[in-house]
Amino acid sequence: MSFNIAHGRGLSLYQGFHSSNGIRKNLERIAAIVKKRSPDIVAFQEVDQSSHWNRHIDLLKHIQEETEYPYSEHGIHNTRLGRKALCYGNAFLSKHPISNCRVTPFGKKSIGEKGFMEVSIQIDSIPLEIINLHLDFRSRRSRMAQIDPVLERIGTLTKSSTTFPPITCGDFNTGSKRFSDAVRQFLIRSAEHARYTYHPQNKRTFPTHFPSRGLDFILVPKPFVVRQANVIKSFASDHLPVVAEIIAPCSTESSVSEPNTHRD
């Protein structure tokens, strides 16, 4: 599952409008979505650790407590000190052990900085590398520049690692069709290292009430197989979460999927 949780503000324009109780109630809505789907791995974007605008609530910790997932990792790519402190980034929840966390901010801004994080997750005997990214929403030029370090890292991983190419997911802040923007160029330029497909296809994830654009994707490399991918209807964020059921190539279905559960 990949889910931009919008700093825990739900459908309002600004998280600072909420009380601590209001933010916690919305985090419980997010946790309910995760619990209902029960994915092996969840990649979050816009997750605060301690920020003035959402009452210094550790969002990931609260969601983890509500969902009872055993493993988590927070990748901070935006930090500002002072009276109006900010500390946020991307994050993972997992049912399986997480290791080798690496965080890469795209720049050095004190507010609004985006970035990506990568982790290794072991599911039974299957080692997975996963990249969770959040690209700029204002500028196509910025998004194009931001995928450069991601592609460079994918190249490094595929050359030096004995694992599969990394699954890459997150909020790309652009659709999949535009040739000169980040998703399409990622698919083209990553072909040097791996053949990716994007999921879900022909679905819309933003804005929540009347979705008009697909901005959130899970990019899956060969030889992984995607059985299904969907958008989840919800009102816990301005983005809709996306899920994909992925089968690893060297496994039987039973090694990555438990009966009657979605492995997203």
C-alpha atoms as a PDB file:
ATOM      1  CA  MET A   1       0.000   0.000   0.000  1.00  0.00           C
ATOM      2  CA  SER A   2       1.136   3.548  -0.771  1.00  0.00           C
ATOM      3  CA  PHE A   3      -0.689   6.406   0.955  1.00  0.00           C
ATOM      4  CA  ASN A   4      -0.065  10.160   1.212  1.00  0.00           C
ATOM      5  CA  ILE A   5      -1.686  10.958   4.567  1.00  0.00           C
ATOM      6  CA  ALA A   6      -1.459  14.779   4.221  1.00  0.00           C
ATOM      7  CA  HIS A   7       0.121  15.415   7.638  1.00  0.00           C
ATOM      8  CA  GLY A   8      -2.913  13.854   9.327  1.00  0.00           C
ATOM      9  CA  ARG A   9      -5.252  16.714   8.390  1.00  0.00           C
ATOM     10  CA  GLY A  10      -7.859  14.664   6.566  1.00  0.00           C
ATOM     11  CA  LEU A  11      -9.780  16.692   3.988  1.00  0.00           C
ATOM     12  CA  SER A  12      -9.160  20.148   5.459  1.00  0.00           C
ATOM     13  CA  LEU A  13      -6.798  22.635   3.832  1.00  0.00           C
ATOM     14  CA  TYR A  14      -4.389  22.984   6.760  1.00  0.00           C
ATOM     15  CA  GLN A  15      -3.503  20.689   9.651  1.00  0.00           C
ATOM     16  CA  GLY A  16      -3.075  23.688  11.947  1.00  0.00           C
ATOM     17  CA  PHE A  17      -6.856  24.120  11.965  1.00  0.00           C
ATOM     18  CA  HIS A  18      -7.207  20.892  13.974  1.00  0.00           C
ATOM     19  CA  SER A  19      -6.980  20.175  17.672  1.00  0.00           C
ATOM     20  CA  SER A  20      -4.833  17.315  18.922  1.00  0.00           C
ATOM     21  CA  ASN A  21      -7.993  15.263  19.321  1.00  0.00           C
ATOM     22  CA  GLY A  22      -9.071  15.995  15.751  1.00  0.00           C
ATOM     23  CA  ILE A  23      -5.727  14.881  14.335  1.00  0.00           C
ATOM     24  CA  ARG A  24      -5.749  11.691  16.395  1.00  0.00           C
ATOM     25  CA  LYS A  25      -9.259  10.856  15.201  1.00  0.00           C
ATOM     26  CA  ASN A  26      -8.136  11.198  11.616  1.00  0.00           C
ATOM     27  CA  LEU A  27      -5.082   9.034  12.277  1.00  0.00           C
ATOM     28  CA  GLU A  28      -7.492   6.406  13.568  1.00  0.00           C
ATOM     29  CA  ARG A  29      -9.345   6.592  10.224  1.00  0.00           C
ATOM     30  CA  ILE A  30      -6.045   6.025   8.419  1.00  0.00           C
ATOM     31  CA  ALA A  31      -5.233   3.119  10.726  1.00  0.00           C
ATOM     32  CA  ALA A  32      -8.666   1.594  10.051  1.00  0.00           C
ATOM     33  CA  ILE A  33      -7.946   1.599   6.307  1.00  0.00           C
ATOM     34  CA  VAL A  34      -4.634  -0.169   6.893  1.00  0.00           C
ATOM     35  CA  LYS A  35      -6.170  -2.719   9.250  1.00  0.00           C
ATOM     36  CA  LYS A  36      -9.010  -3.515   6.851  1.00  0.00           C
ATOM     37  CA  ARG A  37      -6.648  -4.240   3.946  1.00  0.00           C
ATOM     38  CA  SER A  38      -3.870  -5.735   6.094  1.00  0.00           C
ATOM     39  CA  PRO A  39      -1.006  -5.199   3.618  1.00  0.00           C
ATOM     40  CA  ASP A  40       2.414  -6.686   4.319  1.00  0.00           C
ATOM     41  CA  ILE A  41       4.025  -3.295   3.709  1.00  0.00           C
ATOM     42  CA  VAL A  42       2.695   0.275   3.838  1.00  0.00           C
ATOM     43  CA  ALA A  43       4.570   3.256   2.366  1.00  0.00           C
ATOM     44  CA  PHE A  44       3.382   6.623   3.705  1.00  0.00           C
ATOM     45  CA  GLN A  45       4.131  10.149   2.512  1.00  0.00           C
ATOM     46  CA  GLU A  46       3.711  13.451   4.418  1.00  0.00           C
ATOM     47  CA  VAL A  47       4.251  11.898   7.843  1.00  0.00           C
ATOM     48  CA  ASP A  48       5.235  14.229  10.697  1.00  0.00           C
ATOM     49  CA  GLN A  49       7.422  13.194  13.585  1.00  0.00           C
ATOM     50  CA  SER A  50       7.204  16.465  15.543  1.00  0.00           C
ATOM     51  CA  SER A  51       5.784  19.563  13.851  1.00  0.00           C
ATOM     52  CA  HIS A  52       4.081  22.633  15.278  1.00  0.00           C
ATOM     53  CA  TRP A  53       1.243  22.501  12.772  1.00  0.00           C
ATOM     54  CA  ASN A  54      -0.081  19.160  14.033  1.00  0.00           C
ATOM     55  CA  ARG A  55       0.565  19.583  17.743  1.00  0.00           C
ATOM     56  CA  HIS A  56       3.885  17.685  17.733  1.00  0.00           C
ATOM     57  CA  ILE A  57       2.081  14.348  17.434  1.00  0.00           C
ATOM     58  CA  ASP A  58       4.262  11.528  16.137  1.00  0.00           C
ATOM     59  CA  LEU A  59       1.947  10.411  13.339  1.00  0.00           C
ATOM     60  CA  LEU A  60       3.733   7.176  12.477  1.00  0.00           C
ATOM     61  CA  LYS A  61       3.914   6.091  16.120  1.00  0.00           C
ATOM     62  CA  HIS A  62       0.197   6.718  16.566  1.00  0.00           C
ATOM     63  CA  ILE A  63      -0.746   4.768  13.426  1.00  0.00           C
ATOM     64  CA  GLN A  64       1.585   1.927  14.383  1.00  0.00           C
ATOM     65  CA  GLU A  65       0.011   1.667  17.823  1.00  0.00           C
ATOM     66  CA  GLU A  66      -3.468   1.589  16.289  1.00  0.00           C
ATOM     67  CA  THR A  67      -2.578  -1.030  13.662  1.00  0.00           C
ATOM     68  CA  GLU A  68      -0.220  -3.086  15.847  1.00  0.00           C
ATOM     69  CA  TYR A  69       2.303  -3.503  13.042  1.00  0.00           C
ATOM     70  CA  PRO A  70       5.576  -4.771  14.545  1.00  0.00           C
ATOM     71  CA  TYR A  71       8.036  -2.823  12.362  1.00  0.00           C
ATOM     72  CA  SER A  72       8.311   0.782  11.237  1.00  0.00           C
ATOM     73  CA  GLU A  73      10.834   3.247   9.866  1.00  0.00           C
ATOM     74  CA  HIS A  74      10.578   7.021   9.517  1.00  0.00           C
ATOM     75  CA  GLY A  75      12.575   8.800   6.806  1.00  0.00           C
ATOM     76  CA  ILE A  76      12.819  12.518   7.637  1.00  0.00           C
ATOM     77  CA  HIS A  77      13.621  14.763   4.677  1.00  0.00           C
ATOM     78  CA  ASN A  78      12.331  18.105   5.997  1.00  0.00           C
ATOM     79  CA  THR A  79      13.563  19.606   9.284  1.00  0.00           C
ATOM     80  CA  ARG A  80      13.188  23.126  10.644  1.00  0.00           C
ATOM     81  CA  LEU A  81      14.165  24.097  14.171  1.00  0.00           C
ATOM     82  CA  GLY A  82      12.816  26.928  16.278  1.00  0.00           C
ATOM     83  CA  ARG A  83       9.492  28.008  17.716  1.00  0.00           C
ATOM     84  CA  LYS A  84       7.580  26.665  14.715  1.00  0.00           C
ATOM     85  CA  ALA A  85       9.535  23.477  14.269  1.00  0.00           C
ATOM     86  CA  LEU A  86       8.893  21.067  11.391  1.00  0.00           C
ATOM     87  CA  CYS A  87      10.020  17.467  11.097  1.00  0.00           C
ATOM     88  CA  TYR A  88       8.429  15.220   8.493  1.00  0.00           C
ATOM     89  CA  GLY A  89       9.020  12.902   5.557  1.00  0.00           C
ATOM     90  CA  ASN A  90       8.125   9.439   4.309  1.00  0.00           C
ATOM     91  CA  ALA A  91       7.628   6.266   6.366  1.00  0.00           C
ATOM     92  CA  PHE A  92       7.093   2.524   6.293  1.00  0.00           C
ATOM     93  CA  LEU A  93       5.010   0.099   8.308  1.00  0.00           C
ATOM     94  CA  SER A  94       5.754  -3.579   7.849  1.00  0.00           C
ATOM     95  CA  LYS A  95       4.759  -6.999   9.110  1.00  0.00           C
ATOM     96  CA  HIS A  96       8.325  -8.113   8.353  1.00  0.00           C
ATOM     97  CA  PRO A  97      11.736  -6.934   9.584  1.00  0.00           C
ATOM     98  CA  ILE A  98      13.087  -3.707   8.085  1.00  0.00           C
ATOM     99  CA  SER A  99      16.792  -3.043   7.618  1.00  0.00           C
ATOM    100  CA  ASN A 100      19.237  -0.802   5.748  1.00  0.00           C
ATOM    101  CA  CYS A 101      17.102   2.339   5.855  1.00  0.00           C
ATOM    102  CA  ARG A 102      18.530   5.169   3.752  1.00  0.00           C
ATOM    103  CA  VAL A 103      17.002   8.673   3.425  1.00  0.00           C
ATOM    104  CA  THR A 104      17.805  11.136   0.627  1.00  0.00           C
ATOM    105  CA  PRO A 105      16.336  14.667   0.659  1.00  0.00           C
ATOM    106  CA  PHE A 106      16.167  16.241  -2.783  1.00  0.00           C
ATOM    107  CA  GLY A 107      17.364  19.609  -1.459  1.00  0.00           C
ATOM    108  CA  LYS A 108      17.892  21.720   1.658  1.00  0.00           C
ATOM    109  CA  LYS A 109      14.689  23.731   2.034  1.00  0.00           C
ATOM    110  CA  SER A 110      13.384  24.181   5.593  1.00  0.00           C
ATOM    111  CA  ILE A 111       9.767  23.799   4.510  1.00  0.00           C
ATOM    112  CA  GLY A 112       8.263  21.791   1.676  1.00  0.00           C
ATOM    113  CA  GLU A 113      11.361  19.727   0.964  1.00  0.00           C
ATOM    114  CA  LYS A 114      10.680  16.385  -0.697  1.00  0.00           C
ATOM    115  CA  GLY A 115      12.799  13.253  -0.778  1.00  0.00           C
ATOM    116  CA  PHE A 116      12.925   9.483  -0.944  1.00  0.00           C
ATOM    117  CA  MET A 117      13.755   6.660   1.412  1.00  0.00           C
ATOM    118  CA  GLU A 118      14.701   3.078   0.739  1.00  0.00           C
ATOM    119  CA  VAL A 119      14.600  -0.007   2.929  1.00  0.00           C
ATOM    120  CA  SER A 120      15.295  -3.707   2.750  1.00  0.00           C
ATOM    121  CA  ILE A 121      12.492  -6.002   3.909  1.00  0.00           C
ATOM    122  CA  GLN A 122      12.801  -9.750   4.299  1.00  0.00           C
ATOM    123  CA  ILE A 123       9.620 -11.747   3.652  1.00  0.00           C
ATOM    124  CA  ASP A 124      10.381 -15.381   4.446  1.00  0.00           C
ATOM    125  CA  SER A 125      13.351 -16.126   2.189  1.00  0.00           C
ATOM    126  CA  ILE A 126      12.596 -13.286  -0.238  1.00  0.00           C
ATOM    127  CA  PRO A 127      14.680 -10.088   0.091  1.00  0.00           C
ATOM    128  CA  LEU A 128      12.882  -6.971  -1.124  1.00  0.00           C
ATOM    129  CA  GLU A 129      14.288  -3.517  -1.791  1.00  0.00           C
ATOM    130  CA  ILE A 130      11.633  -0.773  -1.705  1.00  0.00           C
ATOM    131  CA  ILE A 131      11.892   2.932  -2.502  1.00  0.00           C
ATOM    132  CA  ASN A 132       9.260   5.346  -1.176  1.00  0.00           C
ATOM    133  CA  LEU A 133       9.318   8.793  -2.787  1.00  0.00           C
ATOM    134  CA  HIS A 134       7.476  12.103  -2.798  1.00  0.00           C
ATOM    135  CA  LEU A 135       8.068  14.442  -5.745  1.00  0.00           C
ATOM    136  CA  ASP A 136       7.477  18.186  -6.051  1.00  0.00           C
ATOM    137  CA  PHE A 137       3.923  19.294  -6.871  1.00  0.00           C
ATOM    138  CA  ARG A 138       4.729  22.741  -8.300  1.00  0.00           C
ATOM    139  CA  SER A 139       7.263  22.167 -11.037  1.00  0.00           C
ATOM    140  CA  ARG A 140       7.706  19.586 -13.770  1.00  0.00           C
ATOM    141  CA  ARG A 141      11.354  20.637 -14.028  1.00  0.00           C
ATOM    142  CA  SER A 142      11.845  19.911 -10.319  1.00  0.00           C
ATOM    143  CA  ARG A 143      10.209  16.492 -10.620  1.00  0.00           C
ATOM    144  CA  MET A 144      12.442  15.604 -13.539  1.00  0.00           C
ATOM    145  CA  ALA A 145      15.511  16.599 -11.543  1.00  0.00           C
ATOM    146  CA  GLN A 146      14.283  14.667  -8.499  1.00  0.00           C
ATOM    147  CA  ILE A 147      14.013  11.339 -10.307  1.00  0.00           C
ATOM    148  CA  ASP A 148      17.717  11.550 -11.236  1.00  0.00           C
ATOM    149  CA  PRO A 149      19.037  10.460  -7.792  1.00  0.00           C
ATOM    150  CA  VAL A 150      16.305   7.808  -7.565  1.00  0.00           C
ATOM    151  CA  LEU A 151      17.353   6.303 -10.902  1.00  0.00           C
ATOM    152  CA  GLU A 152      21.002   6.555  -9.909  1.00  0.00           C
ATOM    153  CA  ARG A 153      20.264   4.657  -6.720  1.00  0.00           C
ATOM    154  CA  ILE A 154      18.324   1.994  -8.627  1.00  0.00           C
ATOM    155  CA  GLY A 155      21.313   1.566 -10.908  1.00  0.00           C
ATOM    156  CA  THR A 156      23.612   1.118  -7.920  1.00  0.00           C
ATOM    157  CA  LEU A 157      21.293  -1.410  -6.291  1.00  0.00           C
ATOM    158  CA  THR A 158      20.835  -3.504  -9.424  1.00  0.00           C
ATOM    159  CA  LYS A 159      24.590  -3.634 -10.074  1.00  0.00           C
ATOM    160  CA  SER A 160      25.775  -4.410  -6.569  1.00  0.00           C
ATOM    161  CA  SER A 161      22.925  -6.350  -4.987  1.00  0.00           C
ATOM    162  CA  THR A 162      21.902  -9.962  -5.247  1.00  0.00           C
ATOM    163  CA  THR A 163      18.267  -8.933  -4.692  1.00  0.00           C
ATOM    164  CA  PHE A 164      15.695  -7.928  -7.296  1.00  0.00           C
ATOM    165  CA  PRO A 165      15.427  -4.342  -8.585  1.00  0.00           C
ATOM    166  CA  PRO A 166      13.618  -2.157  -6.043  1.00  0.00           C
ATOM    167  CA  ILE A 167       9.868  -1.747  -6.051  1.00  0.00           C
ATOM    168  CA  THR A 168       9.328   2.029  -6.220  1.00  0.00           C
ATOM    169  CA  CYS A 169       6.204   3.742  -4.941  1.00  0.00           C
ATOM    170  CA  GLY A 170       4.832   7.017  -3.655  1.00  0.00           C
ATOM    171  CA  ASP A 171       3.289  10.334  -4.599  1.00  0.00           C
ATOM    172  CA  PHE A 172       4.712  11.336  -7.987  1.00  0.00           C
ATOM    173  CA  ASN A 173       2.554  14.479  -8.211  1.00  0.00           C
ATOM    174  CA  THR A 174       2.044  13.866 -11.916  1.00  0.00           C
ATOM    175  CA  GLY A 175       0.113  11.455 -14.085  1.00  0.00           C
ATOM    176  CA  SER A 176       1.465   8.489 -16.004  1.00  0.00           C
ATOM    177  CA  LYS A 177       0.692   9.636 -19.550  1.00  0.00           C
ATOM    178  CA  ARG A 178       2.644  12.844 -20.028  1.00  0.00           C
ATOM    179  CA  PHE A 179       5.818  11.940 -21.909  1.00  0.00           C
ATOM    180  CA  SER A 180       7.896  14.821 -20.562  1.00  0.00           C
ATOM    181  CA  ASP A 181       7.029  14.327 -16.886  1.00  0.00           C
ATOM    182  CA  ALA A 182       8.385  12.168 -14.105  1.00  0.00           C
ATOM    183  CA  VAL A 183       6.417   8.893 -14.260  1.00  0.00           C
ATOM    184  CA  ARG A 184       6.787   8.323 -18.002  1.00  0.00           C
ATOM    185  CA  GLN A 185      10.436   9.368 -17.957  1.00  0.00           C
ATOM    186  CA  PHE A 186      11.109   7.109 -14.976  1.00  0.00           C
ATOM    187  CA  LEU A 187       9.719   4.149 -16.913  1.00  0.00           C
ATOM    188  CA  ILE A 188      11.791   5.004 -19.969  1.00  0.00           C
ATOM    189  CA  ARG A 189      15.054   5.799 -18.234  1.00  0.00           C
ATOM    190  CA  SER A 190      14.930   2.950 -15.724  1.00  0.00           C
ATOM    191  CA  ALA A 191      14.816   0.425 -18.591  1.00  0.00           C
ATOM    192  CA  GLU A 192      18.609   0.448 -18.541  1.00  0.00           C
ATOM    193  CA  HIS A 193      18.456  -1.302 -15.169  1.00  0.00           C
ATOM    194  CA  ALA A 194      15.005  -2.914 -14.985  1.00  0.00           C
ATOM    195  CA  ARG A 195      11.697  -3.077 -16.811  1.00  0.00           C
ATOM    196  CA  TYR A 196       9.029  -1.358 -14.699  1.00  0.00           C
ATOM    197  CA  THR A 197       5.268  -1.186 -15.019  1.00  0.00           C
ATOM    198  CA  TYR A 198       3.110   1.287 -13.092  1.00  0.00           C
ATOM    199  CA  HIS A 199       0.061   0.415 -10.997  1.00  0.00           C
ATOM    200  CA  PRO A 200      -2.805   1.027 -10.712  1.00  0.00           C
ATOM    201  CA  GLN A 201      -3.391   1.937 -14.340  1.00  0.00           C
ATOM    202  CA  ASN A 202      -6.112   4.304 -15.540  1.00  0.00           C
ATOM    203  CA  LYS A 203      -7.162   5.147 -11.985  1.00  0.00           C
ATOM    204  CA  ARG A 204      -7.523   8.507 -10.230  1.00  0.00           C
ATOM    205  CA  THR A 205      -6.260   9.257  -6.739  1.00  0.00           C
ATOM    206  CA  PHE A 206      -6.575  13.037  -6.283  1.00  0.00           C
ATOM    207  CA  PRO A 207      -8.492  14.944  -4.990  1.00  0.00           C
ATOM    208  CA  THR A 208     -10.484  12.632  -2.781  1.00  0.00           C
ATOM    209  CA  HIS A 209     -14.071  13.841  -3.265  1.00  0.00           C
ATOM    210  CA  PHE A 210     -13.976  14.051  -7.064  1.00  0.00           C
ATOM    211  CA  PRO A 211     -10.729  12.409  -8.235  1.00  0.00           C
ATOM    212  CA  SER A 212      -9.518  13.865 -11.521  1.00  0.00           C
ATOM    213  CA  ARG A 213      -5.862  12.783 -11.594  1.00  0.00           C
ATOM    214  CA  GLY A 214      -3.785   9.730 -10.848  1.00  0.00           C
ATOM    215  CA  LEU A 215      -0.739  10.890  -8.879  1.00  0.00           C
ATOM    216  CA  ASP A 216       0.042   7.893  -6.670  1.00  0.00           C
ATOM    217  CA  PHE A 217       1.669   4.769  -8.067  1.00  0.00           C
ATOM    218  CA  ILE A 218       3.453   1.533  -7.265  1.00  0.00           C
ATOM    219  CA  LEU A 219       6.116   0.839  -9.902  1.00  0.00           C
ATOM    220  CA  VAL A 220       6.923  -2.848 -10.088  1.00  0.00           C
ATOM    221  CA  PRO A 221       9.984  -4.288 -11.866  1.00  0.00           C
ATOM    222  CA  LYS A 222      10.218  -7.528 -13.761  1.00  0.00           C
ATOM    223  CA  PRO A 223      10.296 -10.366 -12.834  1.00  0.00           C
ATOM    224  CA  PHE A 224       7.683  -9.532 -10.139  1.00  0.00           C
ATOM    225  CA  VAL A 225       4.086 -10.215 -11.173  1.00  0.00           C
ATOM    226  CA  VAL A 226       1.229  -7.890 -10.238  1.00  0.00           C
ATOM    227  CA  ARG A 227      -1.962  -9.853  -9.716  1.00  0.00           C
ATOM    228  CA  GLN A 228      -4.150  -6.822  -9.039  1.00  0.00           C
ATOM    229  CA  ALA A 229      -3.887  -3.135  -8.179  1.00  0.00           C
ATOM    230  CA  ASN A 230      -6.591  -0.789  -6.983  1.00  0.00           C
ATOM    231  CA  VAL A 231      -7.460   2.568  -5.509  1.00  0.00           C
ATOM    232  CA  ILE A 232      -9.196   2.527  -2.120  1.00  0.00           C
ATOM    233  CA  LYS A 233     -12.122   4.863  -1.608  1.00  0.00           C
ATOM    234  CA  SER A 234     -11.700   6.770   1.636  1.00  0.00           C
ATOM    235  CA  PHE A 235     -11.950  10.228   3.201  1.00  0.00           C
ATOM    236  CA  ALA A 236      -8.924  10.172   5.491  1.00  0.00           C
ATOM    237  CA  SER A 237      -6.687  12.324   3.259  1.00  0.00           C
ATOM    238  CA  ASP A 238      -6.778  14.475   0.139  1.00  0.00           C
ATOM    239  CA  HIS A 239      -5.111  11.528  -1.648  1.00  0.00           C
ATOM    240  CA  LEU A 240      -6.604   8.073  -2.044  1.00  0.00           C
ATOM    241  CA  PRO A 241      -4.397   5.123  -1.082  1.00  0.00           C
ATOM    242  CA  VAL A 242      -3.312   2.607  -3.715  1.00  0.00           C
ATOM    243  CA  VAL A 243      -2.666  -1.102  -3.210  1.00  0.00           C
ATOM    244  CA  ALA A 244      -1.070  -3.834  -5.284  1.00  0.00           C
ATOM    245  CA  GLU A 245      -0.902  -7.579  -4.806  1.00  0.00           C
ATOM    246  CA  ILE A 246       2.583  -8.582  -5.920  1.00  0.00           C
ATOM    247  CA  ILE A 247       3.954 -12.086  -6.393  1.00  0.00           C
ATOM    248  CA  ALA A 248       7.696 -12.593  -6.112  1.00  0.00           C
ATOM    249  CA  PRO A 249       9.250 -14.591  -8.985  1.00  0.00           C
ATOM    250  CA  CYS A 250      11.151 -17.135  -6.920  1.00  0.00           C
ATOM    251  CA  SER A 251       8.255 -17.933  -4.614  1.00  0.00           C
ATOM    252  CA  THR A 252       5.016 -19.816  -4.607  1.00  0.00           C
ATOM    253  CA  GLU A 253       1.948 -17.739  -3.877  1.00  0.00           C
ATOM    254  CA  SER A 254       1.757 -19.182  -0.390  1.00  0.00           C
ATOM    255  CA  SER A 255       5.156 -17.775   0.517  1.00  0.00           C
ATOM    256  CA  VAL A 256       4.047 -14.184  -0.008  1.00  0.00           C
ATOM    257  CA  SER A 257       0.324 -14.412   0.627  1.00  0.00           C
ATOM    258  CA  GLU A 258      -1.535 -15.796   3.576  1.00  0.00           C
ATOM    259  CA  PRO A 259      -5.043 -17.184   3.041  1.00  0.00           C
ATOM    260  CA  ASN A 260      -7.846 -14.625   2.808  1.00  0.00           C
ATOM    261  CA  THR A 261      -5.583 -11.570   3.026  1.00  0.00           C
ATOM    262  CA  HIS A 262      -4.423  -8.984   0.527  1.00  0.00           C
ATOM    263  CA  ARG A 263      -0.649  -8.632   0.290  1.00  0.00           C
ATOM    264  CA  ASP A 264      -0.245  -5.033  -0.792  1.00  0.00           C
END
